[in-house]
C-alpha atoms as a PDB file:
ATOM      1  CA  ALA A   1      43.610 -40.432  40.870  1.00  0.00           C
ATOM      2  CA  LEU A   2      44.020 -44.014  39.613  1.00  0.00           C
ATOM      3  CA  LEU A   3      42.908 -43.188  36.105  1.00  0.00           C
ATOM      4  CA  PRO A   4      45.401 -42.579  33.338  1.00  0.00           C
ATOM      5  CA  PRO A   5      45.868 -38.941  32.279  1.00  0.00           C
ATOM      6  CA  ARG A   6      43.831 -39.466  28.971  1.00  0.00           C
ATOM      7  CA  ASN A   7      40.905 -41.048  30.945  1.00  0.00           C
ATOM      8  CA  GLN A   8      40.995 -38.237  33.482  1.00  0.00           C
ATOM      9  CA  GLU A   9      40.653 -35.670  30.611  1.00  0.00           C
ATOM     10  CA  VAL A  10      37.631 -37.516  29.170  1.00  0.00           C
ATOM     11  CA  THR A  11      36.041 -37.787  32.593  1.00  0.00           C
ATOM     12  CA  SER A  12      36.502 -34.089  33.272  1.00  0.00           C
ATOM     13  CA  ARG A  13      34.852 -33.275  30.000  1.00  0.00           C
ATOM     14  CA  VAL A  14      31.848 -35.428  30.798  1.00  0.00           C
ATOM     15  CA  LEU A  15      31.459 -33.923  34.238  1.00  0.00           C
ATOM     16  CA  SER A  16      31.779 -30.427  32.828  1.00  0.00           C
ATOM     17  CA  SER A  17      29.117 -30.966  30.140  1.00  0.00           C
ATOM     18  CA  PRO A  18      26.795 -27.960  29.616  1.00  0.00           C
ATOM     19  CA  ARG A  19      23.818 -30.173  30.471  1.00  0.00           C
ATOM     20  CA  ASP A  20      23.620 -31.597  33.971  1.00  0.00           C
ATOM     21  CA  GLN A  21      21.654 -34.624  35.138  1.00  0.00           C
ATOM     22  CA  SER A  22      18.528 -32.506  35.720  1.00  0.00           C
ATOM     23  CA  GLY A  23      18.356 -31.586  32.031  1.00  0.00           C
ATOM     24  CA  ASP A  24      19.046 -27.852  32.635  1.00  0.00           C
ATOM     25  CA  LYS A  25      21.045 -26.119  29.969  1.00  0.00           C
ATOM     26  CA  SER A  26      24.125 -24.044  30.757  1.00  0.00           C
ATOM     27  CA  PRO A  27      23.643 -20.279  30.658  1.00  0.00           C
ATOM     28  CA  HIS A  28      26.560 -20.102  28.171  1.00  0.00           C
ATOM     29  CA  SER A  29      24.277 -21.657  25.485  1.00  0.00           C
ATOM     30  CA  LYS A  30      22.073 -18.517  25.540  1.00  0.00           C
ATOM     31  CA  VAL A  31      25.004 -16.310  24.401  1.00  0.00           C
ATOM     32  CA  GLY A  32      24.164 -14.738  21.023  1.00  0.00           C
ATOM     33  CA  LEU A  33      20.372 -14.925  21.274  1.00  0.00           C
ATOM     34  CA  GLY A  34      19.998 -11.352  22.444  1.00  0.00           C
ATOM     35  CA  PRO A  35      20.211  -9.805  18.910  1.00  0.00           C
ATOM     36  CA  ALA A  36      17.771 -12.472  17.500  1.00  0.00           C
ATOM     37  CA  ILE A  37      15.310 -11.707  20.380  1.00  0.00           C
ATOM     38  CA  PHE A  38      15.611  -7.973  19.763  1.00  0.00           C
ATOM     39  CA  LEU A  39      15.157  -8.249  15.974  1.00  0.00           C
ATOM     40  CA  THR A  40      12.166 -10.520  16.324  1.00  0.00           C
ATOM     41  CA  ALA A  41      10.431  -8.307  18.950  1.00  0.00           C
ATOM     42  CA  LEU A  42      11.138  -5.228  16.924  1.00  0.00           C
ATOM     43  CA  ALA A  43       9.804  -6.707  13.702  1.00  0.00           C
ATOM     44  CA  LEU A  44       6.719  -8.009  15.486  1.00  0.00           C
ATOM     45  CA  PHE A  45       6.045  -4.637  16.952  1.00  0.00           C
ATOM     46  CA  MET A  46       6.417  -2.871  13.602  1.00  0.00           C
ATOM     47  CA  SER A  47       3.984  -5.268  11.897  1.00  0.00           C
ATOM     48  CA  VAL A  48       1.094  -4.589  14.329  1.00  0.00           C
ATOM     49  CA  PRO A  49      -1.150  -1.485  14.685  1.00  0.00           C
ATOM     50  CA  LEU A  50       0.688  -0.383  17.850  1.00  0.00           C
ATOM     51  CA  SER A  51       3.496   0.977  15.599  1.00  0.00           C
ATOM     52  CA  ARG A  52       1.172   3.219  13.538  1.00  0.00           C
ATOM     53  CA  PRO A  53       2.590   6.453  15.070  1.00  0.00           C
ATOM     54  CA  ILE A  54       6.108   5.507  13.979  1.00  0.00           C
ATOM     55  CA  TRP A  55       4.887   4.761  10.416  1.00  0.00           C
ATOM     56  CA  ALA A  56       3.181   8.195  10.329  1.00  0.00           C
ATOM     57  CA  LEU A  57       6.368   9.928  11.527  1.00  0.00           C
ATOM     58  CA  LEU A  58       8.927   8.344   9.312  1.00  0.00           C
ATOM     59  CA  GLU A  59       8.431   8.669   5.513  1.00  0.00           C
ATOM     60  CA  PRO A  60      10.960   5.960   4.518  1.00  0.00           C
ATOM     61  CA  LEU A  61       8.844   3.436   6.381  1.00  0.00           C
ATOM     62  CA  GLN A  62       5.788   4.463   4.318  1.00  0.00           C
ATOM     63  CA  GLU A  63       7.745   3.736   1.175  1.00  0.00           C
ATOM     64  CA  THR A  64       7.943   0.058   2.175  1.00  0.00           C
ATOM     65  CA  GLN A  65       4.258  -0.096   1.096  1.00  0.00           C
ATOM     66  CA  PHE A  66       2.872  -2.227   3.909  1.00  0.00           C
ATOM     67  CA  PRO A  67       3.865  -3.600   7.301  1.00  0.00           C
ATOM     68  CA  TRP A  68       3.901  -7.193   6.034  1.00  0.00           C
ATOM     69  CA  ARG A  69       7.504  -6.570   4.856  1.00  0.00           C
ATOM     70  CA  TRP A  70       8.495  -7.162   8.570  1.00  0.00           C
ATOM     71  CA  LEU A  71       7.336 -10.756   8.330  1.00  0.00           C
ATOM     72  CA  ILE A  72      10.663 -11.532   6.670  1.00  0.00           C
ATOM     73  CA  LEU A  73      12.568 -10.427   9.740  1.00  0.00           C
ATOM     74  CA  ILE A  74      10.124 -12.217  11.925  1.00  0.00           C
ATOM     75  CA  SER A  75      10.729 -15.479  10.075  1.00  0.00           C
ATOM     76  CA  MET A  76      14.550 -15.046  10.246  1.00  0.00           C
ATOM     77  CA  GLY A  77      14.577 -14.289  13.944  1.00  0.00           C
ATOM     78  CA  GLY A  78      11.810 -16.783  14.754  1.00  0.00           C
ATOM     79  CA  SER A  79      13.726 -19.638  13.114  1.00  0.00           C
ATOM     80  CA  ILE A  80      16.768 -18.942  15.285  1.00  0.00           C
ATOM     81  CA  LEU A  81      14.669 -18.777  18.449  1.00  0.00           C
ATOM     82  CA  ALA A  82      12.754 -21.910  17.567  1.00  0.00           C
ATOM     83  CA  ALA A  83      16.015 -23.815  17.083  1.00  0.00           C
ATOM     84  CA  ALA A  84      17.405 -22.518  20.362  1.00  0.00           C
ATOM     85  CA  GLY A  85      14.198 -23.471  22.214  1.00  0.00           C
ATOM     86  CA  LEU A  86      14.084 -27.075  21.031  1.00  0.00           C
ATOM     87  CA  PRO A  87      16.363 -28.498  23.785  1.00  0.00           C
ATOM     88  CA  LEU A  88      14.203 -26.771  26.456  1.00  0.00           C
ATOM     89  CA  ILE A  89      11.028 -28.378  25.034  1.00  0.00           C
ATOM     90  CA  LEU A  90      12.424 -31.834  24.361  1.00  0.00           C
ATOM     91  CA  GLY A  91      14.466 -32.109  27.530  1.00  0.00           C
ATOM     92  CA  GLY A  92      11.762 -32.326  30.247  1.00  0.00           C
ATOM     93  CA  GLU A  93       9.516 -35.243  30.975  1.00  0.00           C
ATOM     94  CA  ASN A  94       6.942 -33.647  33.227  1.00  0.00           C
ATOM     95  CA  SER A  95       3.418 -32.710  32.291  1.00  0.00           C
ATOM     96  CA  SER A  96       4.235 -29.061  31.538  1.00  0.00           C
ATOM     97  CA  ALA A  97       6.980 -30.071  29.085  1.00  0.00           C
ATOM     98  CA  ARG A  98       4.552 -32.400  27.346  1.00  0.00           C
ATOM     99  CA  VAL A  99       1.970 -29.567  27.017  1.00  0.00           C
ATOM    100  CA  LYS A 100       4.678 -27.357  25.510  1.00  0.00           C
ATOM    101  CA  ARG A 101       5.541 -30.042  23.010  1.00  0.00           C
ATOM    102  CA  MET A 102       1.955 -30.536  22.032  1.00  0.00           C
ATOM    103  CA  LEU A 103       1.465 -26.766  21.504  1.00  0.00           C
ATOM    104  CA  VAL A 104       4.595 -26.452  19.397  1.00  0.00           C
ATOM    105  CA  PHE A 105       3.850 -29.477  17.170  1.00  0.00           C
ATOM    106  CA  GLY A 106       0.223 -28.377  16.988  1.00  0.00           C
ATOM    107  CA  ALA A 107       1.294 -24.956  15.692  1.00  0.00           C
ATOM    108  CA  MET A 108       3.565 -26.728  13.114  1.00  0.00           C
ATOM    109  CA  ALA A 109       0.643 -28.905  12.012  1.00  0.00           C
ATOM    110  CA  ILE A 110      -1.559 -25.771  11.586  1.00  0.00           C
ATOM    111  CA  SER A 111       1.013 -24.091   9.327  1.00  0.00           C
ATOM    112  CA  VAL A 112       1.404 -27.221   7.212  1.00  0.00           C
ATOM    113  CA  ALA A 113      -2.308 -27.717   6.905  1.00  0.00           C
ATOM    114  CA  PHE A 114      -2.791 -24.067   5.904  1.00  0.00           C
ATOM    115  CA  THR A 115      -0.078 -24.462   3.195  1.00  0.00           C
ATOM    116  CA  PHE A 116      -1.816 -27.474   1.704  1.00  0.00           C
ATOM    117  CA  SER A 117      -5.307 -26.050   1.910  1.00  0.00           C
ATOM    118  CA  HIS A 118      -4.594 -22.449   0.795  1.00  0.00           C
ATOM    119  CA  VAL A 119      -1.682 -22.894  -1.642  1.00  0.00           C
ATOM    120  CA  ILE A 120      -1.992 -26.402  -3.052  1.00  0.00           C
ATOM    121  CA  ARG A 121      -5.672 -27.268  -2.857  1.00  0.00           C
ATOM    122  CA  GLU A 122      -6.924 -23.867  -4.150  1.00  0.00           C
ATOM    123  CA  ALA A 123      -4.383 -23.725  -7.049  1.00  0.00           C
ATOM    124  CA  GLN A 124      -5.816 -23.759 -10.576  1.00  0.00           C
ATOM    125  CA  TYR A 125      -3.994 -26.127 -12.920  1.00  0.00           C
ATOM    126  CA  PHE A 126      -4.243 -25.251 -16.657  1.00  0.00           C
ATOM    127  CA  PRO A 127      -3.267 -27.390 -19.645  1.00  0.00           C
ATOM    128  CA  SER A 128      -0.103 -26.191 -21.418  1.00  0.00           C
ATOM    129  CA  GLN A 129      -1.940 -24.434 -24.213  1.00  0.00           C
ATOM    130  CA  LYS A 130      -4.223 -22.439 -21.923  1.00  0.00           C
ATOM    131  CA  PHE A 131      -1.245 -21.699 -19.654  1.00  0.00           C
ATOM    132  CA  GLU A 132       0.616 -20.049 -22.534  1.00  0.00           C
ATOM    133  CA  GLN A 133      -2.470 -18.104 -23.459  1.00  0.00           C
ATOM    134  CA  VAL A 134      -2.756 -16.884 -19.902  1.00  0.00           C
ATOM    135  CA  LEU A 135       0.890 -15.719 -19.936  1.00  0.00           C
ATOM    136  CA  THR A 136       0.097 -13.718 -23.044  1.00  0.00           C
ATOM    137  CA  ASP A 137      -3.054 -12.143 -21.729  1.00  0.00           C
ATOM    138  CA  VAL A 138      -1.760 -11.310 -18.242  1.00  0.00           C
ATOM    139  CA  ARG A 139       0.750  -8.722 -19.604  1.00  0.00           C
ATOM    140  CA  GLY A 140      -0.526  -5.204 -19.038  1.00  0.00           C
ATOM    141  CA  THR A 141      -3.292  -6.255 -16.690  1.00  0.00           C
ATOM    142  CA  PRO A 142      -3.498  -4.772 -13.071  1.00  0.00           C
ATOM    143  CA  SER A 143      -1.155  -6.314 -10.448  1.00  0.00           C
ATOM    144  CA  VAL A 144      -1.965  -7.215  -6.955  1.00  0.00           C
ATOM    145  CA  ASN A 145      -2.739  -3.966  -5.060  1.00  0.00           C
ATOM    146  CA  TYR A 146      -0.262  -4.764  -2.284  1.00  0.00           C
ATOM    147  CA  TRP A 147       2.665  -4.407  -4.719  1.00  0.00           C
ATOM    148  CA  PHE A 148       1.813  -0.901  -5.875  1.00  0.00           C
ATOM    149  CA  PRO A 149       4.390   1.725  -4.805  1.00  0.00           C
ATOM    150  CA  ILE A 150       3.427   5.072  -3.428  1.00  0.00           C
ATOM    151  CA  TRP A 151       3.693   6.791  -6.827  1.00  0.00           C
ATOM    152  CA  SER A 152       0.873   4.788  -8.422  1.00  0.00           C
ATOM    153  CA  ARG A 153      -2.705   3.727  -8.098  1.00  0.00           C
ATOM    154  CA  PRO A 154      -4.809   0.729  -9.210  1.00  0.00           C
ATOM    155  CA  ASP A 155      -6.881   2.544 -11.891  1.00  0.00           C
ATOM    156  CA  ILE A 156      -4.142   2.954 -14.513  1.00  0.00           C
ATOM    157  CA  ARG A 157      -5.151   4.483 -17.737  1.00  0.00           C
ATOM    158  CA  PRO A 158      -4.816   1.960 -20.613  1.00  0.00           C
ATOM    159  CA  MET A 159      -2.627   2.773 -23.675  1.00  0.00           C
ATOM    160  CA  LYS A 160      -3.131   1.649 -27.209  1.00  0.00           C
ATOM    161  CA  THR A 161       0.508   2.215 -28.229  1.00  0.00           C
ATOM    162  CA  GLU A 162       3.841   1.838 -26.493  1.00  0.00           C
ATOM    163  CA  VAL A 163       4.560   5.565 -26.431  1.00  0.00           C
ATOM    164  CA  GLU A 164       2.165   8.586 -26.544  1.00  0.00           C
ATOM    165  CA  VAL A 165       3.327  12.158 -27.303  1.00  0.00           C
ATOM    166  CA  ALA A 166       0.695  14.911 -27.883  1.00  0.00           C
ATOM    167  CA  ASP A 167       0.714  16.308 -31.495  1.00  0.00           C
ATOM    168  CA  ARG A 168       3.911  14.520 -32.367  1.00  0.00           C
ATOM    169  CA  ALA A 169       4.546  11.344 -34.380  1.00  0.00           C
ATOM    170  CA  VAL A 170       6.275   8.409 -32.589  1.00  0.00           C
ATOM    171  CA  THR A 171       8.150   5.449 -34.126  1.00  0.00           C
ATOM    172  CA  VAL A 172       9.184   2.626 -31.871  1.00  0.00           C
ATOM    173  CA  THR A 173      12.389   0.920 -33.083  1.00  0.00           C
ATOM    174  CA  SER A 174      13.177  -1.425 -30.213  1.00  0.00           C
ATOM    175  CA  TRP A 175      11.133  -2.676 -27.273  1.00  0.00           C
ATOM    176  CA  GLU A 176      13.079  -5.067 -24.983  1.00  0.00           C
ATOM    177  CA  PRO A 177      12.527  -5.803 -21.291  1.00  0.00           C
ATOM    178  CA  GLU A 178      15.333  -3.484 -20.066  1.00  0.00           C
ATOM    179  CA  ARG A 179      15.978  -1.345 -23.132  1.00  0.00           C
ATOM    180  CA  ARG A 180      13.464   0.635 -25.236  1.00  0.00           C
ATOM    181  CA  THR A 181      14.235   2.879 -28.147  1.00  0.00           C
ATOM    182  CA  PHE A 182      11.786   5.181 -30.024  1.00  0.00           C
ATOM    183  CA  SER A 183      11.968   8.262 -32.221  1.00  0.00           C
ATOM    184  CA  VAL A 184       9.823  11.365 -31.846  1.00  0.00           C
ATOM    185  CA  ALA A 185       9.247  13.923 -34.633  1.00  0.00           C
ATOM    186  CA  ALA A 186       9.770  17.640 -34.207  1.00  0.00           C
ATOM    187  CA  GLY A 187       7.124  19.656 -32.468  1.00  0.00           C
ATOM    188  CA  PRO A 188       6.253  21.510 -29.290  1.00  0.00           C
ATOM    189  CA  ALA A 189       8.055  20.378 -26.137  1.00  0.00           C
ATOM    190  CA  ALA A 190       6.051  17.713 -24.340  1.00  0.00           C
ATOM    191  CA  GLU A 191       6.215  14.683 -22.139  1.00  0.00           C
ATOM    192  CA  ALA A 192       6.139  11.286 -23.714  1.00  0.00           C
ATOM    193  CA  ARG A 193       3.981   8.804 -21.750  1.00  0.00           C
ATOM    194  CA  VAL A 194       5.645   5.341 -22.041  1.00  0.00           C
ATOM    195  CA  ARG A 195       3.715   2.082 -21.477  1.00  0.00           C
ATOM    196  CA  THR A 196       6.212   1.142 -18.767  1.00  0.00           C
ATOM    197  CA  PHE A 197       5.748   1.309 -15.048  1.00  0.00           C
ATOM    198  CA  TYR A 198       8.036   3.979 -13.547  1.00  0.00           C
ATOM    199  CA  TYR A 199      10.970   2.935 -11.479  1.00  0.00           C
ATOM    200  CA  PRO A 200      13.868   5.134 -10.398  1.00  0.00           C
ATOM    201  CA  HIS A 201      16.428   3.096 -12.266  1.00  0.00           C
ATOM    202  CA  TRP A 202      15.048   3.763 -15.670  1.00  0.00           C
ATOM    203  CA  VAL A 203      17.422   6.258 -17.417  1.00  0.00           C
ATOM    204  CA  ALA A 204      16.326   8.123 -20.623  1.00  0.00           C
ATOM    205  CA  HIS A 205      18.738   9.907 -22.864  1.00  0.00           C
ATOM    206  CA  ASN A 206      19.135  11.041 -26.530  1.00  0.00           C
ATOM    207  CA  ASP A 207      22.305  11.824 -28.509  1.00  0.00           C
ATOM    208  CA  SER A 208      23.392  14.659 -26.204  1.00  0.00           C
ATOM    209  CA  ILE A 209      21.653  14.852 -22.878  1.00  0.00           C
ATOM    210  CA  THR A 210      19.906  12.845 -20.218  1.00  0.00           C
ATOM    211  CA  LEU A 211      16.107  13.475 -20.305  1.00  0.00           C
ATOM    212  CA  PRO A 212      14.184  13.931 -17.129  1.00  0.00           C
ATOM    213  CA  VAL A 213      11.953  11.034 -16.068  1.00  0.00           C
ATOM    214  CA  ARG A 214       9.095  11.090 -13.570  1.00  0.00           C
ATOM    215  CA  PRO A 215       5.998   9.100 -12.702  1.00  0.00           C
ATOM    216  CA  ASP A 216       2.526  10.062 -13.960  1.00  0.00           C
ATOM    217  CA  LYS A 217      -0.301  10.227 -11.379  1.00  0.00           C
ATOM    218  CA  ASP A 218      -1.146   6.590 -12.116  1.00  0.00           C
ATOM    219  CA  GLY A 219       2.443   5.297 -12.126  1.00  0.00           C
ATOM    220  CA  ALA A 220       3.195   5.361 -15.919  1.00  0.00           C
ATOM    221  CA  MET A 221       6.524   6.715 -17.002  1.00  0.00           C
ATOM    222  CA  LEU A 222       6.810  10.278 -18.358  1.00  0.00           C
ATOM    223  CA  ILE A 223       9.831  11.477 -20.283  1.00  0.00           C
ATOM    224  CA  SER A 224      10.454  15.135 -21.147  1.00  0.00           C
ATOM    225  CA  ILE A 225      10.987  15.481 -24.867  1.00  0.00           C
ATOM    226  CA  PRO A 226      12.656  18.591 -26.387  1.00  0.00           C
ATOM    227  CA  GLU A 227      11.187  20.466 -29.448  1.00  0.00           C
ATOM    228  CA  ASN A 228      13.541  19.054 -32.112  1.00  0.00           C
ATOM    229  CA  ALA A 229      13.286  15.599 -33.600  1.00  0.00           C
ATOM    230  CA  THR A 230      14.990  13.115 -31.219  1.00  0.00           C
ATOM    231  CA  THR A 231      15.619   9.466 -30.628  1.00  0.00           C
ATOM    232  CA  VAL A 232      15.132   8.396 -27.082  1.00  0.00           C
ATOM    233  CA  GLU A 233      17.032   5.424 -25.567  1.00  0.00           C
ATOM    234  CA  LEU A 234      15.483   4.147 -22.362  1.00  0.00           C
ATOM    235  CA  ASP A 235      17.660   1.722 -20.293  1.00  0.00           C
ATOM    236  CA  PHE A 236      17.154   0.083 -16.971  1.00  0.00           C
ATOM    237  CA  VAL A 237      20.452   0.604 -15.074  1.00  0.00           C
ATOM    238  CA  GLU A 238      21.180  -1.677 -12.192  1.00  0.00           C
ATOM    239  CA  PRO A 239      22.919   0.137  -9.247  1.00  0.00           C
ATOM    240  CA  GLY A 240      26.255  -1.078  -7.959  1.00  0.00           C
ATOM    241  CA  LYS A 241      24.731  -2.364  -4.753  1.00  0.00           C
ATOM    242  CA  THR A 242      22.876  -4.953  -6.755  1.00  0.00           C
ATOM    243  CA  ASN A 243      26.050  -6.641  -7.808  1.00  0.00           C
ATOM    244  CA  PHE A 244      27.483  -6.301  -4.349  1.00  0.00           C
ATOM    245  CA  SER A 245      24.469  -7.939  -2.762  1.00  0.00           C
ATOM    246  CA  THR A 246      24.549 -10.714  -5.422  1.00  0.00           C
ATOM    247  CA  MET A 247      28.186 -11.481  -4.646  1.00  0.00           C
ATOM    248  CA  SER A 248      27.541 -11.336  -0.933  1.00  0.00           C
ATOM    249  CA  SER A 249      24.691 -13.786  -1.157  1.00  0.00           C
ATOM    250  CA  LEU A 250      26.825 -16.043  -3.318  1.00  0.00           C
ATOM    251  CA  ILE A 251      29.638 -16.043  -0.868  1.00  0.00           C
ATOM    252  CA  GLY A 252      27.262 -16.719   2.003  1.00  0.00           C
ATOM    253  CA  LEU A 253      25.709 -19.715   0.155  1.00  0.00           C
ATOM    254  CA  ILE A 254      29.191 -21.080  -0.495  1.00  0.00           C
ATOM    255  CA  GLY A 255      30.053 -20.588   3.203  1.00  0.00           C
ATOM    256  CA  ILE A 256      26.934 -22.363   4.332  1.00  0.00           C
ATOM    257  CA  GLY A 257      27.575 -25.236   1.975  1.00  0.00           C
ATOM    258  CA  ALA A 258      31.132 -25.551   3.240  1.00  0.00           C
ATOM    259  CA  LEU A 259      30.047 -25.613   6.861  1.00  0.00           C
ATOM    260  CA  SER A 260      27.559 -28.389   6.090  1.00  0.00           C
ATOM    261  CA  LEU A 261      30.195 -30.707   4.757  1.00  0.00           C
ATOM    262  CA  PRO A 262      30.926 -33.735   7.002  1.00  0.00           C
ATOM    263  CA  LEU A 263      34.412 -32.783   7.843  1.00  0.00           C
ATOM    264  CA  ARG A 264      36.013 -34.941  10.493  1.00  0.00           C
ATOM    265  CA  ARG A 265      37.462 -33.043  13.387  1.00  0.00           C
ATOM    266  CA  ARG A 266      40.848 -34.284  14.627  1.00  0.00           C
ATOM    267  CA  ALA A 267      40.899 -35.114  18.334  1.00  0.00           C
ATOM    268  CA  LYS A 268      43.255 -33.199  20.487  1.00  0.00           C
ATOM    269  CA  GLN A 269      46.228 -35.236  21.401  1.00  0.00           C
END
C-alpha cells in the first residue's frame, strides 16, 4: 500500500507472470497448439503403413505418388511443437529434465551427423567442364522413380526425334521449354508422340481448334492430329492458382520479415 501507483502496477505484473517460482508454465501458453498437434499426428499416421486402407479407398491420395509427401506437414507441425516444448525441457533442474535435454540434443546431433554424412560427404564434386557435360547428358535420361506420376512407368521408350507421327512427315519449327511448334503433313488421322513428359497443363492447338492431349502408356505426350496438314502449337499454361499462391507466399514472406524487425514497443503510460 506504501508503493506509488506505478510501482504497484509493475509489482502486480511480476506477481501475475505466467511462470511461477516452481518453473511451471501457465495453461494459457498452450492455447493454439491443438491444431499443430492434430496436424502432426494426422500427417504421421498417413505416412505409416497403418493408413494403407485409407490410401486404398481414396484415389486422390494415390495421386500424391507416395506417403513421404506427408513429411512436409510433419516438419511444419513438429517445428511448432518443438519450439513450444523448449521451456518445459530447459526449465527443470531435476534428473528427469536433464535426461529429456540429453535425448533432445542427442536427436538433433543425429540429424546433423546424418546430413553431413549422407548429403555432404557422399556428394560427388565435378570440375566445371565435366559438370557442363553432365548437364548435357542428363537430359532425356530416366528420373528418380519416386517422382513418376501414376500415368507413367520407368521403362520409357526412347525417341530419336522430337515428334513421331506414323506415315506422316513432321517438321519442328520451335522447341522451347514451355512452347513447342511443329508442322505435320497431310495424311491419315493419327496421334503425334511428342518427346515431352505429359502434364495436364500442356495445351495443344492449331489454327482453328484445341487438339486432344493424353499420356501414352509410358508417360509420353500424345496429341490427336487431323487428316489435313496442320501446324501444332504446344504451350504450357500455368493455372490461375499458381499466381495466387505466388502472391500469397510473397505477402507471407513480407509479413514475416516485418514481424522480425526490432521495433520498440511503447510502454503503457
